[in-house]
Amino acid sequence: MVRERATELLTVRQVLDELGGLSRRTFYRWRELRIAPRCIRLPNGELRVRRDVLAAWLEELAEGAAS
């Protein structure tokens, strides 16, 4: 169950909600700048972010802020 949760694929909307209501435009701008968490593009063109990738990305940002 823990592994299943870690590999859960989040929609862009879910990621935005997890980031405290970040705007869609900001998220896509971060993608353009290559500072957003790594995404998976599905065959239908939609994006997904693995929950563990999002958590690692947030941890990396927290470590950078602490320096």
PDB file of N, CA and C in Angstrom:
ATOM      1  N   MET A   1       0.826  -1.203   0.000  1.00  0.00           N
ATOM      2  CA  MET A   1       0.000   0.000   0.000  1.00  0.00           C
ATOM      3  C   MET A   1       0.866   1.260   0.000  1.00  0.00           C
ATOM      4  N   VAL A   2       1.962   1.264   0.790  1.00  0.00           N
ATOM      5  CA  VAL A   2       2.844   2.430   0.831  1.00  0.00           C
ATOM      6  C   VAL A   2       3.482   2.640  -0.530  1.00  0.00           C
ATOM      7  N   ARG A   3       3.944   1.545  -1.153  1.00  0.00           N
ATOM      8  CA  ARG A   3       4.557   1.653  -2.478  1.00  0.00           C
ATOM      9  C   ARG A   3       3.539   2.165  -3.499  1.00  0.00           C
ATOM     10  N   GLU A   4       2.307   1.674  -3.399  1.00  0.00           N
ATOM     11  CA  GLU A   4       1.255   2.096  -4.312  1.00  0.00           C
ATOM     12  C   GLU A   4       1.012   3.602  -4.193  1.00  0.00           C
ATOM     13  N   ARG A   5       0.999   4.118  -2.996  1.00  0.00           N
ATOM     14  CA  ARG A   5       0.794   5.550  -2.761  1.00  0.00           C
ATOM     15  C   ARG A   5       1.972   6.358  -3.310  1.00  0.00           C
ATOM     16  N   ALA A   6       3.191   5.859  -3.129  1.00  0.00           N
ATOM     17  CA  ALA A   6       4.382   6.571  -3.583  1.00  0.00           C
ATOM     18  C   ALA A   6       4.418   6.691  -5.103  1.00  0.00           C
ATOM     19  N   THR A   7       3.914   5.684  -5.809  1.00  0.00           N
ATOM     20  CA  THR A   7       3.960   5.708  -7.268  1.00  0.00           C
ATOM     21  C   THR A   7       2.651   6.222  -7.876  1.00  0.00           C
ATOM     22  N   GLU A   8       1.775   6.736  -7.058  1.00  0.00           N
ATOM     23  CA  GLU A   8       0.514   7.292  -7.553  1.00  0.00           C
ATOM     24  C   GLU A   8       0.800   8.417  -8.546  1.00  0.00           C
ATOM     25  N   LEU A   9       0.047   8.438  -9.628  1.00  0.00           N
ATOM     26  CA  LEU A   9       0.190   9.497 -10.629  1.00  0.00           C
ATOM     27  C   LEU A   9      -0.830  10.589 -10.344  1.00  0.00           C
ATOM     28  N   LEU A  10      -0.336  11.800 -10.159  1.00  0.00           N
ATOM     29  CA  LEU A  10      -1.196  12.945  -9.857  1.00  0.00           C
ATOM     30  C   LEU A  10      -1.470  13.735 -11.125  1.00  0.00           C
ATOM     31  N   THR A  11      -2.681  14.241 -11.242  1.00  0.00           N
ATOM     32  CA  THR A  11      -3.009  15.141 -12.348  1.00  0.00           C
ATOM     33  C   THR A  11      -2.404  16.512 -12.053  1.00  0.00           C
ATOM     34  N   VAL A  12      -2.365  17.358 -13.056  1.00  0.00           N
ATOM     35  CA  VAL A  12      -1.858  18.714 -12.851  1.00  0.00           C
ATOM     36  C   VAL A  12      -2.709  19.420 -11.792  1.00  0.00           C
ATOM     37  N   ARG A  13      -4.010  19.255 -11.845  1.00  0.00           N
ATOM     38  CA  ARG A  13      -4.903  19.882 -10.862  1.00  0.00           C
ATOM     39  C   ARG A  13      -4.547  19.425  -9.457  1.00  0.00           C
ATOM     40  N   GLN A  14      -4.290  18.129  -9.264  1.00  0.00           N
ATOM     41  CA  GLN A  14      -3.928  17.616  -7.941  1.00  0.00           C
ATOM     42  C   GLN A  14      -2.597  18.201  -7.472  1.00  0.00           C
ATOM     43  N   VAL A  15      -1.649  18.336  -8.380  1.00  0.00           N
ATOM     44  CA  VAL A  15      -0.357  18.934  -8.028  1.00  0.00           C
ATOM     45  C   VAL A  15      -0.555  20.383  -7.605  1.00  0.00           C
ATOM     46  N   LEU A  16      -1.367  21.116  -8.363  1.00  0.00           N
ATOM     47  CA  LEU A  16      -1.623  22.521  -8.024  1.00  0.00           C
ATOM     48  C   LEU A  16      -2.250  22.634  -6.639  1.00  0.00           C
ATOM     49  N   ASP A  17      -3.189  21.745  -6.336  1.00  0.00           N
ATOM     50  CA  ASP A  17      -3.819  21.738  -5.012  1.00  0.00           C
ATOM     51  C   ASP A  17      -2.804  21.406  -3.926  1.00  0.00           C
ATOM     52  N   GLU A  18      -1.916  20.437  -4.195  1.00  0.00           N
ATOM     53  CA  GLU A  18      -0.886  20.063  -3.214  1.00  0.00           C
ATOM     54  C   GLU A  18       0.074  21.219  -2.949  1.00  0.00           C
ATOM     55  N   LEU A  19       0.250  22.069  -3.949  1.00  0.00           N
ATOM     56  CA  LEU A  19       1.151  23.217  -3.808  1.00  0.00           C
ATOM     57  C   LEU A  19       0.415  24.451  -3.288  1.00  0.00           C
ATOM     58  N   GLY A  20      -0.732  24.251  -2.695  1.00  0.00           N
ATOM     59  CA  GLY A  20      -1.447  25.338  -2.046  1.00  0.00           C
ATOM     60  C   GLY A  20      -2.262  26.203  -2.973  1.00  0.00           C
ATOM     61  N   GLY A  21      -2.705  25.642  -4.088  1.00  0.00           N
ATOM     62  CA  GLY A  21      -3.543  26.412  -5.005  1.00  0.00           C
ATOM     63  C   GLY A  21      -2.756  27.212  -6.020  1.00  0.00           C
ATOM     64  N   LEU A  22      -1.564  26.747  -6.352  1.00  0.00           N
ATOM     65  CA  LEU A  22      -0.734  27.383  -7.367  1.00  0.00           C
ATOM     66  C   LEU A  22      -1.523  27.501  -8.667  1.00  0.00           C
ATOM     67  N   SER A  23      -1.295  28.568  -9.422  1.00  0.00           N
ATOM     68  CA  SER A  23      -2.038  28.731 -10.670  1.00  0.00           C
ATOM     69  C   SER A  23      -1.475  27.801 -11.745  1.00  0.00           C
ATOM     70  N   ARG A  24      -2.350  27.398 -12.645  1.00  0.00           N
ATOM     71  CA  ARG A  24      -1.958  26.537 -13.767  1.00  0.00           C
ATOM     72  C   ARG A  24      -0.889  27.240 -14.606  1.00  0.00           C
ATOM     73  N   ARG A  25      -1.059  28.537 -14.826  1.00  0.00           N
ATOM     74  CA  ARG A  25      -0.100  29.305 -15.627  1.00  0.00           C
ATOM     75  C   ARG A  25       1.293  29.264 -15.002  1.00  0.00           C
ATOM     76  N   THR A  26       1.374  29.414 -13.681  1.00  0.00           N
ATOM     77  CA  THR A  26       2.670  29.370 -13.004  1.00  0.00           C
ATOM     78  C   THR A  26       3.309  28.000 -13.164  1.00  0.00           C
ATOM     79  N   PHE A  27       2.520  26.947 -13.011  1.00  0.00           N
ATOM     80  CA  PHE A  27       3.055  25.598 -13.163  1.00  0.00           C
ATOM     81  C   PHE A  27       3.638  25.401 -14.559  1.00  0.00           C
ATOM     82  N   TYR A  28       2.899  25.804 -15.584  1.00  0.00           N
ATOM     83  CA  TYR A  28       3.391  25.627 -16.948  1.00  0.00           C
ATOM     84  C   TYR A  28       4.585  26.536 -17.234  1.00  0.00           C
ATOM     85  N   ARG A  29       4.639  27.701 -16.609  1.00  0.00           N
ATOM     86  CA  ARG A  29       5.819  28.569 -16.746  1.00  0.00           C
ATOM     87  C   ARG A  29       7.034  27.891 -16.116  1.00  0.00           C
ATOM     88  N   TRP A  30       6.849  27.290 -14.939  1.00  0.00           N
ATOM     89  CA  TRP A  30       7.941  26.542 -14.312  1.00  0.00           C
ATOM     90  C   TRP A  30       8.407  25.422 -15.220  1.00  0.00           C
ATOM     91  N   ARG A  31       7.480  24.758 -15.924  1.00  0.00           N
ATOM     92  CA  ARG A  31       7.871  23.700 -16.867  1.00  0.00           C
ATOM     93  C   ARG A  31       8.716  24.279 -17.994  1.00  0.00           C
ATOM     94  N   GLU A  32       8.325  25.442 -18.510  1.00  0.00           N
ATOM     95  CA  GLU A  32       9.116  26.100 -19.559  1.00  0.00           C
ATOM     96  C   GLU A  32      10.528  26.395 -19.069  1.00  0.00           C
ATOM     97  N   LEU A  33      10.638  26.812 -17.810  1.00  0.00           N
ATOM     98  CA  LEU A  33      11.925  27.157 -17.220  1.00  0.00           C
ATOM     99  C   LEU A  33      12.675  25.935 -16.683  1.00  0.00           C
ATOM    100  N   ARG A  34      12.036  24.772 -16.774  1.00  0.00           N
ATOM    101  CA  ARG A  34      12.599  23.509 -16.293  1.00  0.00           C
ATOM    102  C   ARG A  34      12.891  23.518 -14.792  1.00  0.00           C
ATOM    103  N   ILE A  35      11.990  24.153 -14.037  1.00  0.00           N
ATOM    104  CA  ILE A  35      12.131  24.146 -12.572  1.00  0.00           C
ATOM    105  C   ILE A  35      10.952  23.447 -11.895  1.00  0.00           C
ATOM    106  N   ALA A  36      10.013  22.958 -12.677  1.00  0.00           N
ATOM    107  CA  ALA A  36       8.870  22.210 -12.136  1.00  0.00           C
ATOM    108  C   ALA A  36       9.291  20.762 -11.892  1.00  0.00           C
ATOM    109  N   PRO A  37       8.512  20.032 -11.098  1.00  0.00           N
ATOM    110  CA  PRO A  37       8.814  18.600 -10.935  1.00  0.00           C
ATOM    111  C   PRO A  37       8.680  17.876 -12.276  1.00  0.00           C
ATOM    112  N   ARG A  38       9.436  16.802 -12.440  1.00  0.00           N
ATOM    113  CA  ARG A  38       9.388  16.033 -13.686  1.00  0.00           C
ATOM    114  C   ARG A  38       7.999  15.458 -13.907  1.00  0.00           C
ATOM    115  N   CYS A  39       7.548  15.567 -15.137  1.00  0.00           N
ATOM    116  CA  CYS A  39       6.212  15.105 -15.507  1.00  0.00           C
ATOM    117  C   CYS A  39       6.299  13.938 -16.481  1.00  0.00           C
ATOM    118  N   ILE A  40       5.227  13.197 -16.526  1.00  0.00           N
ATOM    119  CA  ILE A  40       5.055  12.119 -17.492  1.00  0.00           C
ATOM    120  C   ILE A  40       3.950  12.555 -18.440  1.00  0.00           C
ATOM    121  N   ARG A  41       4.231  12.505 -19.739  1.00  0.00           N
ATOM    122  CA  ARG A  41       3.195  12.840 -20.723  1.00  0.00           C
ATOM    123  C   ARG A  41       2.555  11.532 -21.187  1.00  0.00           C
ATOM    124  N   LEU A  42       1.265  11.426 -20.977  1.00  0.00           N
ATOM    125  CA  LEU A  42       0.529  10.242 -21.370  1.00  0.00           C
ATOM    126  C   LEU A  42       0.265  10.260 -22.877  1.00  0.00           C
ATOM    127  N   PRO A  43      -0.070   9.114 -23.473  1.00  0.00           N
ATOM    128  CA  PRO A  43      -0.359   9.073 -24.916  1.00  0.00           C
ATOM    129  C   PRO A  43      -1.459  10.052 -25.349  1.00  0.00           C
ATOM    130  N   ASN A  44      -2.383  10.380 -24.443  1.00  0.00           N
ATOM    131  CA  ASN A  44      -3.444  11.330 -24.801  1.00  0.00           C
ATOM    132  C   ASN A  44      -3.009  12.789 -24.639  1.00  0.00           C
ATOM    133  N   GLY A  45      -1.740  13.010 -24.257  1.00  0.00           N
ATOM    134  CA  GLY A  45      -1.190  14.354 -24.139  1.00  0.00           C
ATOM    135  C   GLY A  45      -1.280  14.953 -22.752  1.00  0.00           C
ATOM    136  N   GLU A  46      -2.025  14.318 -21.853  1.00  0.00           N
ATOM    137  CA  GLU A  46      -2.147  14.841 -20.493  1.00  0.00           C
ATOM    138  C   GLU A  46      -0.868  14.586 -19.709  1.00  0.00           C
ATOM    139  N   LEU A  47      -0.625  15.449 -18.721  1.00  0.00           N
ATOM    140  CA  LEU A  47       0.549  15.320 -17.868  1.00  0.00           C
ATOM    141  C   LEU A  47       0.184  14.673 -16.546  1.00  0.00           C
ATOM    142  N   ARG A  48       1.126  13.936 -16.000  1.00  0.00           N
ATOM    143  CA  ARG A  48       0.996  13.363 -14.667  1.00  0.00           C
ATOM    144  C   ARG A  48       2.325  13.546 -13.953  1.00  0.00           C
ATOM    145  N   VAL A  49       2.258  13.643 -12.629  1.00  0.00           N
ATOM    146  CA  VAL A  49       3.451  13.729 -11.794  1.00  0.00           C
ATOM    147  C   VAL A  49       3.362  12.623 -10.761  1.00  0.00           C
ATOM    148  N   ARG A  50       4.415  11.831 -10.663  1.00  0.00           N
ATOM    149  CA  ARG A  50       4.427  10.785  -9.642  1.00  0.00           C
ATOM    150  C   ARG A  50       4.520  11.434  -8.270  1.00  0.00           C
ATOM    151  N   ARG A  51       3.756  10.924  -7.324  1.00  0.00           N
ATOM    152  CA  ARG A  51       3.730  11.499  -5.979  1.00  0.00           C
ATOM    153  C   ARG A  51       5.122  11.512  -5.356  1.00  0.00           C
ATOM    154  N   ASP A  52       5.904  10.445  -5.537  1.00  0.00           N
ATOM    155  CA  ASP A  52       7.238  10.409  -4.951  1.00  0.00           C
ATOM    156  C   ASP A  52       8.172  11.431  -5.597  1.00  0.00           C
ATOM    157  N   VAL A  53       7.997  11.710  -6.888  1.00  0.00           N
ATOM    158  CA  VAL A  53       8.794  12.728  -7.572  1.00  0.00           C
ATOM    159  C   VAL A  53       8.441  14.111  -7.029  1.00  0.00           C
ATOM    160  N   LEU A  54       7.162  14.370  -6.809  1.00  0.00           N
ATOM    161  CA  LEU A  54       6.730  15.650  -6.242  1.00  0.00           C
ATOM    162  C   LEU A  54       7.307  15.832  -4.841  1.00  0.00           C
ATOM    163  N   ALA A  55       7.250  14.777  -4.027  1.00  0.00           N
ATOM    164  CA  ALA A  55       7.778  14.856  -2.663  1.00  0.00           C
ATOM    165  C   ALA A  55       9.287  15.124  -2.676  1.00  0.00           C
ATOM    166  N   ALA A  56      10.025  14.451  -3.562  1.00  0.00           N
ATOM    167  CA  ALA A  56      11.476  14.658  -3.654  1.00  0.00           C
ATOM    168  C   ALA A  56      11.789  16.079  -4.126  1.00  0.00           C
ATOM    169  N   TRP A  57      10.992  16.586  -5.079  1.00  0.00           N
ATOM    170  CA  TRP A  57      11.181  17.943  -5.583  1.00  0.00           C
ATOM    171  C   TRP A  57      10.961  18.966  -4.468  1.00  0.00           C
ATOM    172  N   LEU A  58       9.908  18.769  -3.685  1.00  0.00           N
ATOM    173  CA  LEU A  58       9.631  19.670  -2.568  1.00  0.00           C
ATOM    174  C   LEU A  58      10.756  19.610  -1.526  1.00  0.00           C
ATOM    175  N   GLU A  59      11.258  18.416  -1.268  1.00  0.00           N
ATOM    176  CA  GLU A  59      12.362  18.241  -0.310  1.00  0.00           C
ATOM    177  C   GLU A  59      13.619  18.968  -0.804  1.00  0.00           C
ATOM    178  N   GLU A  60      13.878  18.863  -2.084  1.00  0.00           N
ATOM    179  CA  GLU A  60      15.026  19.554  -2.673  1.00  0.00           C
ATOM    180  C   GLU A  60      14.895  21.069  -2.521  1.00  0.00           C
ATOM    181  N   LEU A  61      13.679  21.585  -2.721  1.00  0.00           N
ATOM    182  CA  LEU A  61      13.455  23.020  -2.548  1.00  0.00           C
ATOM    183  C   LEU A  61      13.648  23.432  -1.091  1.00  0.00           C
ATOM    184  N   ALA A  62      13.186  22.603  -0.163  1.00  0.00           N
ATOM    185  CA  ALA A  62      13.328  22.908   1.267  1.00  0.00           C
ATOM    186  C   ALA A  62      14.791  22.930   1.663  1.00  0.00           C
ATOM    187  N   GLU A  63      15.598  22.015   1.143  1.00  0.00           N
ATOM    188  CA  GLU A  63      17.018  21.989   1.461  1.00  0.00           C
ATOM    189  C   GLU A  63      17.713  23.214   0.901  1.00  0.00           C
ATOM    190  N   GLY A  64      17.306  23.643  -0.299  1.00  0.00           N
ATOM    191  CA  GLY A  64      17.883  24.835  -0.901  1.00  0.00           C
ATOM    192  C   GLY A  64      17.550  26.088  -0.116  1.00  0.00           C
ATOM    193  N   ALA A  65      16.361  26.143   0.465  1.00  0.00           N
ATOM    194  CA  ALA A  65      15.944  27.308   1.245  1.00  0.00           C
ATOM    195  C   ALA A  65      16.674  27.363   2.577  1.00  0.00           C
ATOM    196  N   ALA A  66      17.051  26.203   3.103  1.00  0.00           N
ATOM    197  CA  ALA A  66      17.716  26.151   4.407  1.00  0.00           C
ATOM    198  C   ALA A  66      19.178  26.564   4.316  1.00  0.00           C
ATOM    199  N   SER A  67      19.764  26.522   3.127  1.00  0.00           N
ATOM    200  CA  SER A  67      21.180  26.842   2.966  1.00  0.00           C
ATOM    201  C   SER A  67      21.432  28.331   3.121  1.00  0.00           C
TER     202      SER A  67
END
